[in-house]
Amino acid sequence: MNADLHLLDPTSERSPAARERLARPASLDGLTVGLLDISKARGDVFLDRVDALLQSRGIQVRRYRKPTFTRVAPTALRQQIAAECDLVVEGLAD
């Protein structure tokens, strides 16, 4: 891991919570990858390409979409993704 990597929190918190990064899986084999479209323009274009690349490697993909990019994903959607996927790629665009 790159020791010089800095994660920025876009929420403008004055004192952002320290969060440990989860370990990345050694492989995607046998895992289900969720693709979350946050409903911004052209996010689906990016996720369509990621979807195609993952499926070409035999990786199971599930697609999800937030109702609006202006709010956090609804609890029910987050719970569904957590229950159905091993990891998630969130697509941002504009």
C-alpha atoms as a PDB file:
ATOM      1  CA  MET A   1       0.000   0.000   0.000  1.00  0.00           C
ATOM      2  CA  ASN A   2       1.200   3.504  -0.793  1.00  0.00           C
ATOM      3  CA  ALA A   3       2.054   5.341   2.453  1.00  0.00           C
ATOM      4  CA  ASP A   4       1.571   8.682   0.651  1.00  0.00           C
ATOM      5  CA  LEU A   5      -2.064   7.979  -0.192  1.00  0.00           C
ATOM      6  CA  HIS A   6      -4.513  10.506   1.273  1.00  0.00           C
ATOM      7  CA  LEU A   7      -8.270  10.016   1.273  1.00  0.00           C
ATOM      8  CA  LEU A   8     -10.381  13.157   1.184  1.00  0.00           C
ATOM      9  CA  ASP A   9     -13.797  13.314   2.786  1.00  0.00           C
ATOM     10  CA  PRO A  10     -16.161  15.350   0.571  1.00  0.00           C
ATOM     11  CA  THR A  11     -18.622  15.996   3.434  1.00  0.00           C
ATOM     12  CA  SER A  12     -16.724  19.097   4.710  1.00  0.00           C
ATOM     13  CA  GLU A  13     -16.662  17.770   8.243  1.00  0.00           C
ATOM     14  CA  ARG A  14     -14.510  19.938  10.510  1.00  0.00           C
ATOM     15  CA  SER A  15     -13.165  16.824  12.264  1.00  0.00           C
ATOM     16  CA  PRO A  16     -13.748  13.865   9.960  1.00  0.00           C
ATOM     17  CA  ALA A  17     -14.000  10.490  11.636  1.00  0.00           C
ATOM     18  CA  ALA A  18     -10.916   8.342  11.306  1.00  0.00           C
ATOM     19  CA  ARG A  19     -11.844   5.255   9.328  1.00  0.00           C
ATOM     20  CA  GLU A  20      -9.779   2.132   8.852  1.00  0.00           C
ATOM     21  CA  ARG A  21      -9.691   0.924   5.275  1.00  0.00           C
ATOM     22  CA  LEU A  22     -10.945  -2.609   4.837  1.00  0.00           C
ATOM     23  CA  ALA A  23      -8.548  -5.164   3.457  1.00  0.00           C
ATOM     24  CA  ARG A  24      -8.871  -5.713  -0.267  1.00  0.00           C
ATOM     25  CA  PRO A  25      -9.600  -9.252  -1.415  1.00  0.00           C
ATOM     26  CA  ALA A  26      -6.674 -11.096  -2.966  1.00  0.00           C
ATOM     27  CA  SER A  27      -8.911 -12.033  -5.891  1.00  0.00           C
ATOM     28  CA  LEU A  28     -12.416 -11.350  -7.174  1.00  0.00           C
ATOM     29  CA  ASP A  29     -12.906 -15.031  -8.059  1.00  0.00           C
ATOM     30  CA  GLY A  30     -16.132 -16.312  -6.524  1.00  0.00           C
ATOM     31  CA  LEU A  31     -17.131 -12.877  -5.227  1.00  0.00           C
ATOM     32  CA  THR A  32     -20.119 -10.769  -6.183  1.00  0.00           C
ATOM     33  CA  VAL A  33     -19.321  -7.163  -7.077  1.00  0.00           C
ATOM     34  CA  GLY A  34     -22.020  -4.539  -6.651  1.00  0.00           C
ATOM     35  CA  LEU A  35     -22.007  -1.519  -8.951  1.00  0.00           C
ATOM     36  CA  LEU A  36     -23.765   1.482  -7.423  1.00  0.00           C
ATOM     37  CA  ASP A  37     -24.835   4.282  -9.753  1.00  0.00           C
ATOM     38  CA  ILE A  38     -25.367   7.421  -7.662  1.00  0.00           C
ATOM     39  CA  SER A  39     -27.630   8.918 -10.362  1.00  0.00           C
ATOM     40  CA  LYS A  40     -25.231  11.556 -11.683  1.00  0.00           C
ATOM     41  CA  ALA A  41     -24.987  12.178 -15.396  1.00  0.00           C
ATOM     42  CA  ARG A  42     -22.928   9.546 -17.267  1.00  0.00           C
ATOM     43  CA  GLY A  43     -22.232   7.455 -14.173  1.00  0.00           C
ATOM     44  CA  ASP A  44     -24.010   4.618 -15.944  1.00  0.00           C
ATOM     45  CA  VAL A  45     -21.552   4.892 -18.862  1.00  0.00           C
ATOM     46  CA  PHE A  46     -18.605   4.300 -16.528  1.00  0.00           C
ATOM     47  CA  LEU A  47     -20.365   1.464 -14.703  1.00  0.00           C
ATOM     48  CA  ASP A  48     -21.441  -0.194 -17.968  1.00  0.00           C
ATOM     49  CA  ARG A  49     -17.753  -0.455 -18.901  1.00  0.00           C
ATOM     50  CA  VAL A  50     -16.758  -1.770 -15.456  1.00  0.00           C
ATOM     51  CA  ASP A  51     -19.637  -4.266 -15.650  1.00  0.00           C
ATOM     52  CA  ALA A  52     -18.488  -5.535 -19.058  1.00  0.00           C
ATOM     53  CA  LEU A  53     -14.863  -5.884 -17.920  1.00  0.00           C
ATOM     54  CA  LEU A  54     -15.802  -7.771 -14.762  1.00  0.00           C
ATOM     55  CA  GLN A  55     -18.240 -10.091 -16.534  1.00  0.00           C
ATOM     56  CA  SER A  56     -15.666 -10.841 -19.247  1.00  0.00           C
ATOM     57  CA  ARG A  57     -13.521 -12.237 -16.427  1.00  0.00           C
ATOM     58  CA  GLY A  58     -16.391 -14.382 -15.134  1.00  0.00           C
ATOM     59  CA  ILE A  59     -17.097 -12.216 -12.101  1.00  0.00           C
ATOM     60  CA  GLN A  60     -20.697 -11.972 -10.918  1.00  0.00           C
ATOM     61  CA  VAL A  61     -22.017  -8.393 -10.981  1.00  0.00           C
ATOM     62  CA  ARG A  62     -25.146  -6.839  -9.494  1.00  0.00           C
ATOM     63  CA  ARG A  63     -26.299  -3.327 -10.399  1.00  0.00           C
ATOM     64  CA  TYR A  64     -27.935  -0.758  -8.119  1.00  0.00           C
ATOM     65  CA  ARG A  65     -28.984   2.875  -8.441  1.00  0.00           C
ATOM     66  CA  LYS A  66     -29.566   5.560  -5.841  1.00  0.00           C
ATOM     67  CA  PRO A  67     -32.767   7.561  -6.321  1.00  0.00           C
ATOM     68  CA  THR A  68     -30.767  10.822  -6.259  1.00  0.00           C
ATOM     69  CA  PHE A  69     -27.134  11.853  -5.933  1.00  0.00           C
ATOM     70  CA  THR A  70     -28.037  14.628  -3.478  1.00  0.00           C
ATOM     71  CA  ARG A  71     -28.677  12.274  -0.549  1.00  0.00           C
ATOM     72  CA  VAL A  72     -27.088   9.188   0.934  1.00  0.00           C
ATOM     73  CA  ALA A  73     -28.390   5.860  -0.316  1.00  0.00           C
ATOM     74  CA  PRO A  74     -31.552   4.789   1.490  1.00  0.00           C
ATOM     75  CA  THR A  75     -31.020   2.348   4.340  1.00  0.00           C
ATOM     76  CA  ALA A  76     -32.951  -0.396   2.555  1.00  0.00           C
ATOM     77  CA  LEU A  77     -30.713  -0.080  -0.514  1.00  0.00           C
ATOM     78  CA  ARG A  78     -27.527  -0.164   1.593  1.00  0.00           C
ATOM     79  CA  GLN A  79     -28.794  -3.243   3.424  1.00  0.00           C
ATOM     80  CA  GLN A  80     -29.681  -4.958   0.143  1.00  0.00           C
ATOM     81  CA  ILE A  81     -26.220  -4.280  -1.282  1.00  0.00           C
ATOM     82  CA  ALA A  82     -24.544  -5.527   1.925  1.00  0.00           C
ATOM     83  CA  ALA A  83     -26.614  -8.725   1.838  1.00  0.00           C
ATOM     84  CA  GLU A  84     -26.059  -9.444  -1.879  1.00  0.00           C
ATOM     85  CA  CYS A  85     -22.463  -8.312  -2.544  1.00  0.00           C
ATOM     86  CA  ASP A  86     -18.960  -8.895  -1.280  1.00  0.00           C
ATOM     87  CA  LEU A  87     -17.720  -5.480  -2.407  1.00  0.00           C
ATOM     88  CA  VAL A  88     -19.023  -2.374  -4.165  1.00  0.00           C
ATOM     89  CA  VAL A  89     -17.798   0.043  -6.823  1.00  0.00           C
ATOM     90  CA  GLU A  90     -19.568   3.392  -6.627  1.00  0.00           C
ATOM     91  CA  GLY A  91     -19.764   5.271  -9.910  1.00  0.00           C
ATOM     92  CA  LEU A  92     -19.331   9.033  -9.841  1.00  0.00           C
ATOM     93  CA  ALA A  93     -19.453  11.127 -12.980  1.00  0.00           C
ATOM     94  CA  ASP A  94     -20.260  14.456 -14.597  1.00  0.00           C
END
